[in-house]
C-alpha cells in the first residue's frame, strides 16, 4: 500500500448498530467495570473474546487505547496529518480532558 492510499476496513459479522447495542448492553450489565476509568480495555477485551473468540491480556487493550487516544490528540493538533472523513472532528469544539491509564498498566 502506498503512503497516500486509503485502506478499506471490513467489519466483522457485527454492524455498527449491533456494536452500539452490544456496548450498551455491556455498560448496563456492569457500569462500574465498563463505564469506569479503565472501561475501554475491559470492553475491548470482552468484545474480542465473546465475538472474535480471541483471548488477549487486558494490558494489550490498555496499550491500544492509549495509542488510539494519542493518535487522536496528535491529529487534532496537526491538521496537515488529519485525513479522517467519517470521523472528522469539529476543530472549533472544546474536547473533554483525556484521562491517563492506571499506573499498573504502565509497568
C-alpha atoms as a PDB file:
ATOM      1  CA  UNK A   1       0.000   0.000   0.000  1.00  0.00           C
ATOM      2  CA  UNK A   2       1.372   3.397  -0.935  1.00  0.00           C
ATOM      3  CA  UNK A   3       1.739   6.204   1.581  1.00  0.00           C
ATOM      4  CA  UNK A   4      -1.295   8.111   0.282  1.00  0.00           C
ATOM      5  CA  UNK A   5      -3.524   5.108  -0.436  1.00  0.00           C
ATOM      6  CA  UNK A   6      -6.555   4.832   1.845  1.00  0.00           C
ATOM      7  CA  UNK A   7      -7.011   1.352   3.323  1.00  0.00           C
ATOM      8  CA  UNK A   8     -10.504  -0.108   3.474  1.00  0.00           C
ATOM      9  CA  UNK A   9     -11.601  -1.882   6.635  1.00  0.00           C
ATOM     10  CA  UNK A  10     -14.145  -4.652   6.512  1.00  0.00           C
ATOM     11  CA  UNK A  11     -16.276  -5.013   9.625  1.00  0.00           C
ATOM     12  CA  UNK A  12     -16.675  -8.425  11.134  1.00  0.00           C
ATOM     13  CA  UNK A  13     -20.126 -10.021  11.402  1.00  0.00           C
ATOM     14  CA  UNK A  14     -21.381  -7.127  13.529  1.00  0.00           C
ATOM     15  CA  UNK A  15     -22.862  -3.993  12.007  1.00  0.00           C
ATOM     16  CA  UNK A  16     -22.369  -0.572  13.560  1.00  0.00           C
ATOM     17  CA  UNK A  17     -25.864  -0.762  15.054  1.00  0.00           C
ATOM     18  CA  UNK A  18     -25.162  -4.187  16.558  1.00  0.00           C
ATOM     19  CA  UNK A  19     -21.879  -2.919  18.031  1.00  0.00           C
ATOM     20  CA  UNK A  20     -23.703   0.040  19.607  1.00  0.00           C
ATOM     21  CA  UNK A  21     -26.296  -2.306  21.100  1.00  0.00           C
ATOM     22  CA  UNK A  22     -23.622  -4.736  22.346  1.00  0.00           C
ATOM     23  CA  UNK A  23     -21.625  -1.937  24.014  1.00  0.00           C
ATOM     24  CA  UNK A  24     -24.765  -0.520  25.619  1.00  0.00           C
ATOM     25  CA  UNK A  25     -25.630  -3.970  26.993  1.00  0.00           C
ATOM     26  CA  UNK A  26     -22.109  -4.276  28.443  1.00  0.00           C
ATOM     27  CA  UNK A  27     -22.320  -0.847  30.055  1.00  0.00           C
ATOM     28  CA  UNK A  28     -25.734  -1.575  31.542  1.00  0.00           C
ATOM     29  CA  UNK A  29     -24.654  -5.026  32.766  1.00  0.00           C
ATOM     30  CA  UNK A  30     -21.718  -3.670  34.762  1.00  0.00           C
ATOM     31  CA  UNK A  31     -21.393   0.134  34.706  1.00  0.00           C
ATOM     32  CA  UNK A  32     -18.670   0.098  37.349  1.00  0.00           C
ATOM     33  CA  UNK A  33     -16.427  -2.119  35.228  1.00  0.00           C
ATOM     34  CA  UNK A  34     -17.219  -0.973  31.682  1.00  0.00           C
ATOM     35  CA  UNK A  35     -18.092   2.647  32.446  1.00  0.00           C
ATOM     36  CA  UNK A  36     -15.148   3.330  34.755  1.00  0.00           C
ATOM     37  CA  UNK A  37     -11.758   4.881  34.162  1.00  0.00           C
ATOM     38  CA  UNK A  38     -10.328   1.757  32.561  1.00  0.00           C
ATOM     39  CA  UNK A  39     -13.555   0.569  30.954  1.00  0.00           C
ATOM     40  CA  UNK A  40     -12.202   0.856  27.402  1.00  0.00           C
ATOM     41  CA  UNK A  41      -9.703  -2.009  27.725  1.00  0.00           C
ATOM     42  CA  UNK A  42     -12.300  -4.150  29.526  1.00  0.00           C
ATOM     43  CA  UNK A  43     -14.977  -3.656  26.867  1.00  0.00           C
ATOM     44  CA  UNK A  44     -12.465  -4.282  24.052  1.00  0.00           C
ATOM     45  CA  UNK A  45     -11.222  -7.448  25.757  1.00  0.00           C
ATOM     46  CA  UNK A  46     -14.802  -8.682  26.213  1.00  0.00           C
ATOM     47  CA  UNK A  47     -15.585  -7.961  22.571  1.00  0.00           C
ATOM     48  CA  UNK A  48     -12.597  -9.829  21.185  1.00  0.00           C
ATOM     49  CA  UNK A  49     -13.243 -12.788  23.488  1.00  0.00           C
ATOM     50  CA  UNK A  50     -17.035 -13.031  23.014  1.00  0.00           C
ATOM     51  CA  UNK A  51     -17.348 -12.044  19.364  1.00  0.00           C
ATOM     52  CA  UNK A  52     -13.983 -12.976  17.856  1.00  0.00           C
ATOM     53  CA  UNK A  53     -13.062 -15.844  20.180  1.00  0.00           C
ATOM     54  CA  UNK A  54      -9.629 -14.302  20.803  1.00  0.00           C
ATOM     55  CA  UNK A  55      -8.278 -14.101  24.360  1.00  0.00           C
ATOM     56  CA  UNK A  56      -5.650 -11.394  24.826  1.00  0.00           C
ATOM     57  CA  UNK A  57      -4.354  -9.845  28.070  1.00  0.00           C
ATOM     58  CA  UNK A  58      -6.006  -6.711  29.424  1.00  0.00           C
ATOM     59  CA  UNK A  59      -2.692  -4.835  29.222  1.00  0.00           C
ATOM     60  CA  UNK A  60      -2.746  -5.267  25.437  1.00  0.00           C
ATOM     61  CA  UNK A  61      -6.051  -3.403  25.213  1.00  0.00           C
ATOM     62  CA  UNK A  62      -4.903  -0.719  27.636  1.00  0.00           C
ATOM     63  CA  UNK A  63      -1.935  -0.046  25.345  1.00  0.00           C
ATOM     64  CA  UNK A  64      -4.194   0.056  22.276  1.00  0.00           C
ATOM     65  CA  UNK A  65      -6.491   2.567  23.978  1.00  0.00           C
ATOM     66  CA  UNK A  66      -3.504   4.768  24.799  1.00  0.00           C
ATOM     67  CA  UNK A  67      -2.171   4.571  21.247  1.00  0.00           C
ATOM     68  CA  UNK A  68      -5.575   5.480  19.806  1.00  0.00           C
ATOM     69  CA  UNK A  69      -6.010   8.393  22.230  1.00  0.00           C
ATOM     70  CA  UNK A  70      -2.539   9.747  21.412  1.00  0.00           C
ATOM     71  CA  UNK A  71      -3.213   9.441  17.682  1.00  0.00           C
ATOM     72  CA  UNK A  72      -6.440  11.432  18.029  1.00  0.00           C
ATOM     73  CA  UNK A  73      -4.730  14.119  20.097  1.00  0.00           C
ATOM     74  CA  UNK A  74      -1.920  14.457  17.564  1.00  0.00           C
ATOM     75  CA  UNK A  75      -4.393  14.624  14.676  1.00  0.00           C
ATOM     76  CA  UNK A  76      -6.327  17.325  16.499  1.00  0.00           C
ATOM     77  CA  UNK A  77      -3.175  19.434  16.766  1.00  0.00           C
ATOM     78  CA  UNK A  78      -1.783  18.571  13.331  1.00  0.00           C
ATOM     79  CA  UNK A  79      -4.439  19.320  10.730  1.00  0.00           C
ATOM     80  CA  UNK A  80      -1.928  18.562   7.980  1.00  0.00           C
ATOM     81  CA  UNK A  81      -1.893  14.900   9.073  1.00  0.00           C
ATOM     82  CA  UNK A  82      -5.649  14.521   9.593  1.00  0.00           C
ATOM     83  CA  UNK A  83      -7.385  12.849   6.651  1.00  0.00           C
ATOM     84  CA  UNK A  84     -10.384  11.496   8.527  1.00  0.00           C
ATOM     85  CA  UNK A  85     -13.677  11.782   6.693  1.00  0.00           C
ATOM     86  CA  UNK A  86     -16.145   9.551   8.509  1.00  0.00           C
ATOM     87  CA  UNK A  87     -14.973  10.589  11.967  1.00  0.00           C
ATOM     88  CA  UNK A  88     -13.794  14.116  11.269  1.00  0.00           C
ATOM     89  CA  UNK A  89     -13.641  16.330  14.331  1.00  0.00           C
ATOM     90  CA  UNK A  90     -15.086  19.772  14.842  1.00  0.00           C
ATOM     91  CA  UNK A  91     -11.930  21.796  15.480  1.00  0.00           C
ATOM     92  CA  UNK A  92     -13.927  24.648  16.998  1.00  0.00           C
ATOM     93  CA  UNK A  93     -15.474  22.457  19.706  1.00  0.00           C
ATOM     94  CA  UNK A  94     -13.776  22.127  23.085  1.00  0.00           C
ATOM     95  CA  UNK A  95     -12.883  18.499  23.889  1.00  0.00           C
ATOM     96  CA  UNK A  96     -13.076  16.717  27.217  1.00  0.00           C
ATOM     97  CA  UNK A  97      -9.957  16.108  29.283  1.00  0.00           C
ATOM     98  CA  UNK A  98      -8.252  12.820  28.450  1.00  0.00           C
ATOM     99  CA  UNK A  99      -7.583  10.628  31.461  1.00  0.00           C
ATOM    100  CA  UNK A 100      -4.378   8.677  31.981  1.00  0.00           C
ATOM    101  CA  UNK A 101      -4.413   4.890  32.434  1.00  0.00           C
ATOM    102  CA  UNK A 102      -3.824   3.497  35.891  1.00  0.00           C
ATOM    103  CA  UNK A 103      -0.124   3.038  36.805  1.00  0.00           C
ATOM    104  CA  UNK A 104      -0.350  -0.770  36.899  1.00  0.00           C
ATOM    105  CA  UNK A 105      -0.869  -0.769  33.125  1.00  0.00           C
ATOM    106  CA  UNK A 106       2.251   1.325  32.578  1.00  0.00           C
ATOM    107  CA  UNK A 107       4.673  -1.144  34.152  1.00  0.00           C
END
